[in-house]
């Protein structure tokens, strides 16, 4: 599955950055100074790195939330559901159209 934006960093770079944040978190009173420092070093925004850390914590069970694989599966199922609803609506309208056309043909002498 691809995202709408191009990922600038490989999974290895992401994992290393997350590991750096978690390894150095105890050296600061809060996580944000660690995140901003490491984000500046890797050239990405602190918010993005913070999101990576949160996802890693969720995926490892340290934080509540849907793991990445489950979130992706849910997103795919929601998209499939939406597409099926659209297809059903198109079929319903087509069926009604052809039913009306059949009635028109039968009513004409």
PDB file of N, CA and C in Angstrom:
ATOM      1  N   UNK A   1       0.843  -1.170   0.000  1.00  0.00           N
ATOM      2  CA  UNK A   1       0.000   0.000   0.000  1.00  0.00           C
ATOM      3  C   UNK A   1       0.888   1.232   0.000  1.00  0.00           C
ATOM      4  N   UNK A   2       0.589   2.189  -0.843  1.00  0.00           N
ATOM      5  CA  UNK A   2       1.412   3.380  -0.925  1.00  0.00           C
ATOM      6  C   UNK A   2       0.663   4.561  -0.330  1.00  0.00           C
ATOM      7  N   UNK A   3       1.429   5.484   0.194  1.00  0.00           N
ATOM      8  CA  UNK A   3       0.813   6.676   0.762  1.00  0.00           C
ATOM      9  C   UNK A   3       0.714   7.749  -0.308  1.00  0.00           C
ATOM     10  N   UNK A   4      -0.014   8.803  -0.007  1.00  0.00           N
ATOM     11  CA  UNK A   4      -0.202   9.887  -0.963  1.00  0.00           C
ATOM     12  C   UNK A   4       1.041  10.748  -1.099  1.00  0.00           C
ATOM     13  N   UNK A   5       1.888  10.717  -0.093  1.00  0.00           N
ATOM     14  CA  UNK A   5       3.123  11.493  -0.145  1.00  0.00           C
ATOM     15  C   UNK A   5       4.298  10.547  -0.300  1.00  0.00           C
ATOM     16  N   UNK A   6       5.358  11.052  -0.867  1.00  0.00           N
ATOM     17  CA  UNK A   6       6.547  10.236  -1.036  1.00  0.00           C
ATOM     18  C   UNK A   6       7.290  10.151   0.286  1.00  0.00           C
ATOM     19  N   UNK A   7       7.612   8.949   0.697  1.00  0.00           N
ATOM     20  CA  UNK A   7       8.353   8.770   1.938  1.00  0.00           C
ATOM     21  C   UNK A   7       9.820   9.020   1.662  1.00  0.00           C
ATOM     22  N   UNK A   8      10.372  10.000   2.347  1.00  0.00           N
ATOM     23  CA  UNK A   8      11.750  10.399   2.131  1.00  0.00           C
ATOM     24  C   UNK A   8      12.720   9.465   2.836  1.00  0.00           C
ATOM     25  N   UNK A   9      12.266   8.815   3.878  1.00  0.00           N
ATOM     26  CA  UNK A   9      13.150   7.997   4.685  1.00  0.00           C
ATOM     27  C   UNK A   9      12.769   6.526   4.612  1.00  0.00           C
ATOM     28  N   UNK A  10      13.764   5.687   4.565  1.00  0.00           N
ATOM     29  CA  UNK A  10      13.533   4.247   4.541  1.00  0.00           C
ATOM     30  C   UNK A  10      13.061   3.786   5.923  1.00  0.00           C
ATOM     31  N   UNK A  11      12.476   2.609   5.984  1.00  0.00           N
ATOM     32  CA  UNK A  11      12.059   2.080   7.289  1.00  0.00           C
ATOM     33  C   UNK A  11      13.225   1.954   8.268  1.00  0.00           C
ATOM     34  N   UNK A  12      14.412   1.685   7.734  1.00  0.00           N
ATOM     35  CA  UNK A  12      15.582   1.564   8.603  1.00  0.00           C
ATOM     36  C   UNK A  12      15.922   2.904   9.260  1.00  0.00           C
ATOM     37  N   UNK A  13      15.854   3.984   8.474  1.00  0.00           N
ATOM     38  CA  UNK A  13      16.135   5.318   9.011  1.00  0.00           C
ATOM     39  C   UNK A  13      15.088   5.685  10.051  1.00  0.00           C
ATOM     40  N   UNK A  14      13.839   5.388   9.767  1.00  0.00           N
ATOM     41  CA  UNK A  14      12.766   5.661  10.726  1.00  0.00           C
ATOM     42  C   UNK A  14      12.999   4.900  12.028  1.00  0.00           C
ATOM     43  N   UNK A  15      13.294   3.615  11.888  1.00  0.00           N
ATOM     44  CA  UNK A  15      13.503   2.787  13.082  1.00  0.00           C
ATOM     45  C   UNK A  15      14.685   3.307  13.902  1.00  0.00           C
ATOM     46  N   UNK A  16      15.734   3.712  13.232  1.00  0.00           N
ATOM     47  CA  UNK A  16      16.913   4.226  13.949  1.00  0.00           C
ATOM     48  C   UNK A  16      16.581   5.527  14.668  1.00  0.00           C
ATOM     49  N   UNK A  17      15.845   6.416  14.004  1.00  0.00           N
ATOM     50  CA  UNK A  17      15.468   7.690  14.625  1.00  0.00           C
ATOM     51  C   UNK A  17      14.584   7.446  15.843  1.00  0.00           C
ATOM     52  N   UNK A  18      13.633   6.534  15.715  1.00  0.00           N
ATOM     53  CA  UNK A  18      12.758   6.199  16.849  1.00  0.00           C
ATOM     54  C   UNK A  18      13.576   5.627  17.993  1.00  0.00           C
ATOM     55  N   UNK A  19      14.493   4.720  17.664  1.00  0.00           N
ATOM     56  CA  UNK A  19      15.351   4.120  18.690  1.00  0.00           C
ATOM     57  C   UNK A  19      16.182   5.189  19.396  1.00  0.00           C
ATOM     58  N   UNK A  20      16.683   6.171  18.627  1.00  0.00           N
ATOM     59  CA  UNK A  20      17.464   7.255  19.231  1.00  0.00           C
ATOM     60  C   UNK A  20      16.609   8.053  20.210  1.00  0.00           C
ATOM     61  N   UNK A  21      15.370   8.353  19.828  1.00  0.00           N
ATOM     62  CA  UNK A  21      14.478   9.097  20.724  1.00  0.00           C
ATOM     63  C   UNK A  21      14.243   8.306  21.998  1.00  0.00           C
ATOM     64  N   UNK A  22      13.932   7.031  21.863  1.00  0.00           N
ATOM     65  CA  UNK A  22      13.634   6.217  23.037  1.00  0.00           C
ATOM     66  C   UNK A  22      14.876   6.028  23.915  1.00  0.00           C
ATOM     67  N   UNK A  23      16.042   5.891  23.294  1.00  0.00           N
ATOM     68  CA  UNK A  23      17.281   5.719  24.062  1.00  0.00           C
ATOM     69  C   UNK A  23      17.663   6.967  24.847  1.00  0.00           C
ATOM     70  N   UNK A  24      17.347   8.139  24.324  1.00  0.00           N
ATOM     71  CA  UNK A  24      17.763   9.392  24.965  1.00  0.00           C
ATOM     72  C   UNK A  24      16.632  10.087  25.739  1.00  0.00           C
ATOM     73  N   UNK A  25      15.471   9.469  25.787  1.00  0.00           N
ATOM     74  CA  UNK A  25      14.325  10.094  26.451  1.00  0.00           C
ATOM     75  C   UNK A  25      14.581  10.346  27.935  1.00  0.00           C
ATOM     76  N   UNK A  26      15.306   9.468  28.582  1.00  0.00           N
ATOM     77  CA  UNK A  26      15.537   9.616  30.024  1.00  0.00           C
ATOM     78  C   UNK A  26      16.489  10.770  30.354  1.00  0.00           C
ATOM     79  N   UNK A  27      17.167  11.301  29.354  1.00  0.00           N
ATOM     80  CA  UNK A  27      18.123  12.388  29.584  1.00  0.00           C
ATOM     81  C   UNK A  27      17.453  13.768  29.628  1.00  0.00           C
ATOM     82  N   UNK A  28      16.157  13.818  29.351  1.00  0.00           N
ATOM     83  CA  UNK A  28      15.441  15.095  29.294  1.00  0.00           C
ATOM     84  C   UNK A  28      14.167  15.023  30.130  1.00  0.00           C
ATOM     85  N   UNK A  29      13.678  16.181  30.565  1.00  0.00           N
ATOM     86  CA  UNK A  29      12.469  16.187  31.397  1.00  0.00           C
ATOM     87  C   UNK A  29      11.209  15.761  30.635  1.00  0.00           C
ATOM     88  N   UNK A  30      11.204  15.958  29.308  1.00  0.00           N
ATOM     89  CA  UNK A  30      10.076  15.509  28.500  1.00  0.00           C
ATOM     90  C   UNK A  30      10.607  14.983  27.173  1.00  0.00           C
ATOM     91  N   UNK A  31       9.756  14.366  26.425  1.00  0.00           N
ATOM     92  CA  UNK A  31      10.176  13.761  25.171  1.00  0.00           C
ATOM     93  C   UNK A  31      10.412  14.800  24.072  1.00  0.00           C
ATOM     94  N   UNK A  32       9.682  15.897  24.098  1.00  0.00           N
ATOM     95  CA  UNK A  32       9.738  16.863  23.002  1.00  0.00           C
ATOM     96  C   UNK A  32      11.146  17.401  22.727  1.00  0.00           C
ATOM     97  N   UNK A  33      11.932  17.770  23.722  1.00  0.00           N
ATOM     98  CA  UNK A  33      13.295  18.237  23.421  1.00  0.00           C
ATOM     99  C   UNK A  33      14.141  17.180  22.699  1.00  0.00           C
ATOM    100  N   UNK A  34      13.963  15.932  23.060  1.00  0.00           N
ATOM    101  CA  UNK A  34      14.686  14.847  22.388  1.00  0.00           C
ATOM    102  C   UNK A  34      14.231  14.752  20.937  1.00  0.00           C
ATOM    103  N   UNK A  35      12.935  14.786  20.732  1.00  0.00           N
ATOM    104  CA  UNK A  35      12.375  14.684  19.382  1.00  0.00           C
ATOM    105  C   UNK A  35      12.863  15.830  18.508  1.00  0.00           C
ATOM    106  N   UNK A  36      12.810  17.059  19.023  1.00  0.00           N
ATOM    107  CA  UNK A  36      13.232  18.204  18.202  1.00  0.00           C
ATOM    108  C   UNK A  36      14.721  18.131  17.879  1.00  0.00           C
ATOM    109  N   UNK A  37      15.526  17.689  18.818  1.00  0.00           N
ATOM    110  CA  UNK A  37      16.959  17.582  18.593  1.00  0.00           C
ATOM    111  C   UNK A  37      17.278  16.551  17.513  1.00  0.00           C
ATOM    112  N   UNK A  38      16.690  15.384  17.618  1.00  0.00           N
ATOM    113  CA  UNK A  38      16.962  14.314  16.651  1.00  0.00           C
ATOM    114  C   UNK A  38      16.344  14.643  15.296  1.00  0.00           C
ATOM    115  N   UNK A  39      15.163  15.241  15.287  1.00  0.00           N
ATOM    116  CA  UNK A  39      14.530  15.626  14.022  1.00  0.00           C
ATOM    117  C   UNK A  39      15.416  16.607  13.259  1.00  0.00           C
ATOM    118  N   UNK A  40      16.027  17.539  13.970  1.00  0.00           N
ATOM    119  CA  UNK A  40      16.919  18.503  13.320  1.00  0.00           C
ATOM    120  C   UNK A  40      18.130  17.793  12.710  1.00  0.00           C
ATOM    121  N   UNK A  41      18.591  16.762  13.363  1.00  0.00           N
ATOM    122  CA  UNK A  41      19.764  16.024  12.864  1.00  0.00           C
ATOM    123  C   UNK A  41      19.451  15.209  11.616  1.00  0.00           C
ATOM    124  N   UNK A  42      18.228  14.674  11.524  1.00  0.00           N
ATOM    125  CA  UNK A  42      17.888  13.853  10.362  1.00  0.00           C
ATOM    126  C   UNK A  42      17.177  14.659   9.276  1.00  0.00           C
ATOM    127  N   UNK A  43      16.868  15.913   9.572  1.00  0.00           N
ATOM    128  CA  UNK A  43      16.271  16.771   8.558  1.00  0.00           C
ATOM    129  C   UNK A  43      14.787  16.566   8.338  1.00  0.00           C
ATOM    130  N   UNK A  44      14.083  16.225   9.386  1.00  0.00           N
ATOM    131  CA  UNK A  44      12.641  16.070   9.271  1.00  0.00           C
ATOM    132  C   UNK A  44      11.968  16.864  10.364  1.00  0.00           C
ATOM    133  N   UNK A  45      10.663  17.045  10.267  1.00  0.00           N
ATOM    134  CA  UNK A  45       9.974  17.861  11.259  1.00  0.00           C
ATOM    135  C   UNK A  45       9.820  17.096  12.571  1.00  0.00           C
ATOM    136  N   UNK A  46       9.862  17.817  13.677  1.00  0.00           N
ATOM    137  CA  UNK A  46       9.671  17.146  14.972  1.00  0.00           C
ATOM    138  C   UNK A  46       8.332  16.410  15.069  1.00  0.00           C
ATOM    139  N   UNK A  47       7.287  16.988  14.498  1.00  0.00           N
ATOM    140  CA  UNK A  47       5.973  16.350  14.585  1.00  0.00           C
ATOM    141  C   UNK A  47       5.968  14.996  13.881  1.00  0.00           C
ATOM    142  N   UNK A  48       6.636  14.925  12.746  1.00  0.00           N
ATOM    143  CA  UNK A  48       6.700  13.652  12.026  1.00  0.00           C
ATOM    144  C   UNK A  48       7.446  12.606  12.846  1.00  0.00           C
ATOM    145  N   UNK A  49       8.574  12.981  13.407  1.00  0.00           N
ATOM    146  CA  UNK A  49       9.331  12.049  14.236  1.00  0.00           C
ATOM    147  C   UNK A  49       8.516  11.637  15.457  1.00  0.00           C
ATOM    148  N   UNK A  50       7.826  12.586  16.049  1.00  0.00           N
ATOM    149  CA  UNK A  50       6.957  12.280  17.192  1.00  0.00           C
ATOM    150  C   UNK A  50       5.896  11.248  16.790  1.00  0.00           C
ATOM    151  N   UNK A  51       5.320  11.419  15.600  1.00  0.00           N
ATOM    152  CA  UNK A  51       4.321  10.461  15.106  1.00  0.00           C
ATOM    153  C   UNK A  51       4.932   9.075  14.911  1.00  0.00           C
ATOM    154  N   UNK A  52       6.162   9.033  14.393  1.00  0.00           N
ATOM    155  CA  UNK A  52       6.854   7.751  14.218  1.00  0.00           C
ATOM    156  C   UNK A  52       7.034   7.053  15.562  1.00  0.00           C
ATOM    157  N   UNK A  53       7.427   7.822  16.577  1.00  0.00           N
ATOM    158  CA  UNK A  53       7.651   7.249  17.906  1.00  0.00           C
ATOM    159  C   UNK A  53       6.334   6.711  18.460  1.00  0.00           C
ATOM    160  N   UNK A  54       5.269   7.480  18.307  1.00  0.00           N
ATOM    161  CA  UNK A  54       3.957   7.020  18.796  1.00  0.00           C
ATOM    162  C   UNK A  54       3.527   5.739  18.104  1.00  0.00           C
ATOM    163  N   UNK A  55       3.717   5.674  16.779  1.00  0.00           N
ATOM    164  CA  UNK A  55       3.358   4.458  16.046  1.00  0.00           C
ATOM    165  C   UNK A  55       4.184   3.273  16.524  1.00  0.00           C
ATOM    166  N   UNK A  56       5.458   3.492  16.756  1.00  0.00           N
ATOM    167  CA  UNK A  56       6.328   2.413  17.239  1.00  0.00           C
ATOM    168  C   UNK A  56       5.860   1.926  18.609  1.00  0.00           C
ATOM    169  N   UNK A  57       5.457   2.845  19.472  1.00  0.00           N
ATOM    170  CA  UNK A  57       4.972   2.461  20.801  1.00  0.00           C
ATOM    171  C   UNK A  57       3.661   1.687  20.698  1.00  0.00           C
ATOM    172  N   UNK A  58       2.795   2.105  19.812  1.00  0.00           N
ATOM    173  CA  UNK A  58       1.524   1.392  19.617  1.00  0.00           C
ATOM    174  C   UNK A  58       1.794  -0.001  19.065  1.00  0.00           C
ATOM    175  N   UNK A  59       2.657  -0.079  18.054  1.00  0.00           N
ATOM    176  CA  UNK A  59       2.954  -1.371  17.437  1.00  0.00           C
ATOM    177  C   UNK A  59       3.610  -2.339  18.411  1.00  0.00           C
ATOM    178  N   UNK A  60       4.376  -1.815  19.367  1.00  0.00           N
ATOM    179  CA  UNK A  60       5.046  -2.691  20.341  1.00  0.00           C
ATOM    180  C   UNK A  60       4.171  -2.969  21.564  1.00  0.00           C
ATOM    181  N   UNK A  61       2.992  -2.341  21.640  1.00  0.00           N
ATOM    182  CA  UNK A  61       2.088  -2.573  22.757  1.00  0.00           C
ATOM    183  C   UNK A  61       2.344  -1.690  23.965  1.00  0.00           C
ATOM    184  N   UNK A  62       3.268  -0.743  23.857  1.00  0.00           N
ATOM    185  CA  UNK A  62       3.564   0.158  24.970  1.00  0.00           C
ATOM    186  C   UNK A  62       2.529   1.271  25.102  1.00  0.00           C
ATOM    187  N   UNK A  63       1.774   1.508  24.069  1.00  0.00           N
ATOM    188  CA  UNK A  63       0.775   2.578  24.054  1.00  0.00           C
ATOM    189  C   UNK A  63      -0.508   2.000  23.460  1.00  0.00           C
ATOM    190  N   UNK A  64      -1.638   2.466  23.974  1.00  0.00           N
ATOM    191  CA  UNK A  64      -2.919   1.999  23.464  1.00  0.00           C
ATOM    192  C   UNK A  64      -3.146   2.535  22.060  1.00  0.00           C
ATOM    193  N   UNK A  65      -3.810   1.750  21.258  1.00  0.00           N
ATOM    194  CA  UNK A  65      -4.146   2.164  19.901  1.00  0.00           C
ATOM    195  C   UNK A  65      -4.098   0.982  18.952  1.00  0.00           C
ATOM    196  N   UNK A  66      -4.541   1.230  17.732  1.00  0.00           N
ATOM    197  CA  UNK A  66      -4.540   0.178  16.713  1.00  0.00           C
ATOM    198  C   UNK A  66      -3.154   0.084  16.086  1.00  0.00           C
ATOM    199  N   UNK A  67      -2.563  -1.112  16.106  1.00  0.00           N
ATOM    200  CA  UNK A  67      -1.255  -1.278  15.463  1.00  0.00           C
ATOM    201  C   UNK A  67      -1.331  -0.937  13.970  1.00  0.00           C
ATOM    202  N   UNK A  68      -0.201  -0.591  13.405  1.00  0.00           N
ATOM    203  CA  UNK A  68      -0.136  -0.139  12.015  1.00  0.00           C
ATOM    204  C   UNK A  68      -0.780  -1.130  11.064  1.00  0.00           C
ATOM    205  N   UNK A  69      -0.484  -2.412  11.213  1.00  0.00           N
ATOM    206  CA  UNK A  69      -1.045  -3.393  10.285  1.00  0.00           C
ATOM    207  C   UNK A  69      -2.568  -3.462  10.393  1.00  0.00           C
ATOM    208  N   UNK A  70      -3.085  -3.332  11.604  1.00  0.00           N
ATOM    209  CA  UNK A  70      -4.543  -3.338  11.779  1.00  0.00           C
ATOM    210  C   UNK A  70      -5.166  -2.060  11.229  1.00  0.00           C
ATOM    211  N   UNK A  71      -4.503  -0.934  11.436  1.00  0.00           N
ATOM    212  CA  UNK A  71      -5.018   0.335  10.918  1.00  0.00           C
ATOM    213  C   UNK A  71      -5.041   0.316   9.393  1.00  0.00           C
ATOM    214  N   UNK A  72      -4.001  -0.233   8.780  1.00  0.00           N
ATOM    215  CA  UNK A  72      -3.966  -0.324   7.323  1.00  0.00           C
ATOM    216  C   UNK A  72      -5.053  -1.257   6.810  1.00  0.00           C
ATOM    217  N   UNK A  73      -5.254  -2.378   7.501  1.00  0.00           N
ATOM    218  CA  UNK A  73      -6.296  -3.327   7.104  1.00  0.00           C
ATOM    219  C   UNK A  73      -7.679  -2.688   7.231  1.00  0.00           C
ATOM    220  N   UNK A  74      -7.901  -1.959   8.321  1.00  0.00           N
ATOM    221  CA  UNK A  74      -9.175  -1.281   8.510  1.00  0.00           C
ATOM    222  C   UNK A  74      -9.412  -0.253   7.409  1.00  0.00           C
ATOM    223  N   UNK A  75      -8.381   0.495   7.074  1.00  0.00           N
ATOM    224  CA  UNK A  75      -8.491   1.500   6.017  1.00  0.00           C
ATOM    225  C   UNK A  75      -8.832   0.839   4.678  1.00  0.00           C
ATOM    226  N   UNK A  76      -8.185  -0.285   4.375  1.00  0.00           N
ATOM    227  CA  UNK A  76      -8.459  -1.006   3.134  1.00  0.00           C
ATOM    228  C   UNK A  76      -9.900  -1.534   3.118  1.00  0.00           C
ATOM    229  N   UNK A  77     -10.359  -2.056   4.250  1.00  0.00           N
ATOM    230  CA  UNK A  77     -11.728  -2.562   4.325  1.00  0.00           C
ATOM    231  C   UNK A  77     -12.753  -1.438   4.194  1.00  0.00           C
ATOM    232  N   UNK A  78     -12.467  -0.301   4.791  1.00  0.00           N
ATOM    233  CA  UNK A  78     -13.374   0.842   4.658  1.00  0.00           C
ATOM    234  C   UNK A  78     -13.455   1.300   3.209  1.00  0.00           C
ATOM    235  N   UNK A  79     -12.310   1.311   2.512  1.00  0.00           N
ATOM    236  CA  UNK A  79     -12.289   1.699   1.099  1.00  0.00           C
ATOM    237  C   UNK A  79     -13.082   0.693   0.268  1.00  0.00           C
ATOM    238  N   UNK A  80     -12.878  -0.596   0.537  1.00  0.00           N
ATOM    239  CA  UNK A  80     -13.609  -1.636  -0.186  1.00  0.00           C
ATOM    240  C   UNK A  80     -15.107  -1.514   0.066  1.00  0.00           C
ATOM    241  N   UNK A  81     -15.483  -1.263   1.303  1.00  0.00           N
ATOM    242  CA  UNK A  81     -16.889  -1.090   1.665  1.00  0.00           C
ATOM    243  C   UNK A  81     -17.501   0.087   0.909  1.00  0.00           C
ATOM    244  N   UNK A  82     -16.759   1.204   0.867  1.00  0.00           N
ATOM    245  CA  UNK A  82     -17.231   2.390   0.147  1.00  0.00           C
ATOM    246  C   UNK A  82     -17.425   2.084  -1.343  1.00  0.00           C
ATOM    247  N   UNK A  83     -16.464   1.379  -1.936  1.00  0.00           N
ATOM    248  CA  UNK A  83     -16.557   1.029  -3.363  1.00  0.00           C
ATOM    249  C   UNK A  83     -17.729   0.093  -3.626  1.00  0.00           C
ATOM    250  N   UNK A  84     -17.957  -0.866  -2.729  1.00  0.00           N
ATOM    251  CA  UNK A  84     -19.086  -1.780  -2.901  1.00  0.00           C
ATOM    252  C   UNK A  84     -20.425  -1.063  -2.760  1.00  0.00           C
ATOM    253  N   UNK A  85     -20.494  -0.119  -1.841  1.00  0.00           N
ATOM    254  CA  UNK A  85     -21.726   0.674  -1.704  1.00  0.00           C
ATOM    255  C   UNK A  85     -22.001   1.469  -2.972  1.00  0.00           C
ATOM    256  N   UNK A  86     -20.952   2.049  -3.552  1.00  0.00           N
ATOM    257  CA  UNK A  86     -21.111   2.804  -4.794  1.00  0.00           C
ATOM    258  C   UNK A  86     -21.561   1.879  -5.928  1.00  0.00           C
ATOM    259  N   UNK A  87     -20.967   0.698  -6.015  1.00  0.00           N
ATOM    260  CA  UNK A  87     -21.352  -0.256  -7.056  1.00  0.00           C
ATOM    261  C   UNK A  87     -22.802  -0.692  -6.869  1.00  0.00           C
ATOM    262  N   UNK A  88     -23.209  -0.947  -5.631  1.00  0.00           N
ATOM    263  CA  UNK A  88     -24.601  -1.329  -5.363  1.00  0.00           C
ATOM    264  C   UNK A  88     -25.562  -0.219  -5.752  1.00  0.00           C
ATOM    265  N   UNK A  89     -25.190   1.017  -5.482  1.00  0.00           N
ATOM    266  CA  UNK A  89     -26.049   2.146  -5.844  1.00  0.00           C
ATOM    267  C   UNK A  89     -26.188   2.250  -7.365  1.00  0.00           C
ATOM    268  N   UNK A  90     -25.091   2.063  -8.075  1.00  0.00           N
ATOM    269  CA  UNK A  90     -25.132   2.100  -9.542  1.00  0.00           C
ATOM    270  C   UNK A  90     -26.022   0.978 -10.061  1.00  0.00           C
ATOM    271  N   UNK A  91     -25.874  -0.222  -9.513  1.00  0.00           N
ATOM    272  CA  UNK A  91     -26.692  -1.352  -9.945  1.00  0.00           C
ATOM    273  C   UNK A  91     -28.171  -1.137  -9.622  1.00  0.00           C
ATOM    274  N   UNK A  92     -28.450  -0.562  -8.457  1.00  0.00           N
ATOM    275  CA  UNK A  92     -29.839  -0.283  -8.088  1.00  0.00           C
ATOM    276  C   UNK A  92     -30.471   0.685  -9.077  1.00  0.00           C
ATOM    277  N   UNK A  93     -29.745   1.751  -9.423  1.00  0.00           N
ATOM    278  CA  UNK A  93     -30.269   2.739 -10.371  1.00  0.00           C
ATOM    279  C   UNK A  93     -30.424   2.147 -11.767  1.00  0.00           C
ATOM    280  N   UNK A  94     -29.472   1.327 -12.181  1.00  0.00           N
ATOM    281  CA  UNK A  94     -29.559   0.690 -13.500  1.00  0.00           C
ATOM    282  C   UNK A  94     -30.743  -0.258 -13.552  1.00  0.00           C
ATOM    283  N   UNK A  95     -30.948  -1.013 -12.479  1.00  0.00           N
ATOM    284  CA  UNK A  95     -32.073  -1.939 -12.416  1.00  0.00           C
ATOM    285  C   UNK A  95     -33.397  -1.187 -12.515  1.00  0.00           C
ATOM    286  N   UNK A  96     -33.503  -0.092 -11.780  1.00  0.00           N
ATOM    287  CA  UNK A  96     -34.733   0.705 -11.831  1.00  0.00           C
ATOM    288  C   UNK A  96     -34.942   1.284 -13.227  1.00  0.00           C
ATOM    289  N   UNK A  97     -33.881   1.739 -13.863  1.00  0.00           N
ATOM    290  CA  UNK A  97     -33.968   2.314 -15.212  1.00  0.00           C
ATOM    291  C   UNK A  97     -34.467   1.259 -16.204  1.00  0.00           C
ATOM    292  N   UNK A  98     -33.873   0.056 -16.159  1.00  0.00           N
ATOM    293  CA  UNK A  98     -34.267  -0.979 -17.105  1.00  0.00           C
ATOM    294  C   UNK A  98     -35.661  -1.512 -16.802  1.00  0.00           C
ATOM    295  N   UNK A  99     -36.053  -1.521 -15.553  1.00  0.00           N
ATOM    296  CA  UNK A  99     -37.410  -1.939 -15.203  1.00  0.00           C
ATOM    297  C   UNK A  99     -38.422  -0.955 -15.771  1.00  0.00           C
ATOM    298  N   UNK A 100     -38.117   0.337 -15.684  1.00  0.00           N
ATOM    299  CA  UNK A 100     -39.012   1.354 -16.254  1.00  0.00           C
ATOM    300  C   UNK A 100     -39.061   1.233 -17.780  1.00  0.00           C
ATOM    301  N   UNK A 101     -37.929   0.964 -18.396  1.00  0.00           N
ATOM    302  CA  UNK A 101     -37.886   0.799 -19.848  1.00  0.00           C
ATOM    303  C   UNK A 101     -38.717  -0.408 -20.272  1.00  0.00           C
ATOM    304  N   UNK A 102     -38.655  -1.472 -19.509  1.00  0.00           N
ATOM    305  CA  UNK A 102     -39.447  -2.688 -19.810  1.00  0.00           C
ATOM    306  C   UNK A 102     -40.941  -2.386 -19.690  1.00  0.00           C
ATOM    307  N   UNK A 103     -41.320  -1.631 -18.659  1.00  0.00           N
ATOM    308  CA  UNK A 103     -42.737  -1.268 -18.502  1.00  0.00           C
ATOM    309  C   UNK A 103     -43.201  -0.396 -19.650  1.00  0.00           C
ATOM    310  N   UNK A 104     -42.348   0.526 -20.090  1.00  0.00           N
ATOM    311  CA  UNK A 104     -42.703   1.392 -21.210  1.00  0.00           C
ATOM    312  C   UNK A 104     -42.917   0.554 -22.476  1.00  0.00           C
ATOM    313  N   UNK A 105     -42.087  -0.446 -22.705  1.00  0.00           N
ATOM    314  CA  UNK A 105     -42.210  -1.294 -23.899  1.00  0.00           C
ATOM    315  C   UNK A 105     -43.493  -2.096 -23.834  1.00  0.00           C
ATOM    316  N   UNK A 106     -43.859  -2.583 -22.664  1.00  0.00           N
ATOM    317  CA  UNK A 106     -45.069  -3.392 -22.529  1.00  0.00           C
ATOM    318  C   UNK A 106     -46.336  -2.547 -22.657  1.00  0.00           C
ATOM    319  N   UNK A 107     -46.281  -1.305 -22.276  1.00  0.00           N
ATOM    320  CA  UNK A 107     -47.481  -0.455 -22.310  1.00  0.00           C
ATOM    321  C   UNK A 107     -47.748   0.081 -23.717  1.00  0.00           C
ATOM    322  N   UNK A 108     -46.777   0.054 -24.612  1.00  0.00           N
ATOM    323  CA  UNK A 108     -46.964   0.545 -25.976  1.00  0.00           C
ATOM    324  C   UNK A 108     -47.537  -0.578 -26.841  1.00  0.00           C
ATOM    325  N   UNK A 109     -48.555  -0.222 -27.673  1.00  0.00           N
ATOM    326  CA  UNK A 109     -49.176  -1.266 -28.522  1.00  0.00           C
ATOM    327  C   UNK A 109     -48.301  -1.733 -29.648  1.00  0.00           C
TER     328      UNK A 109
END
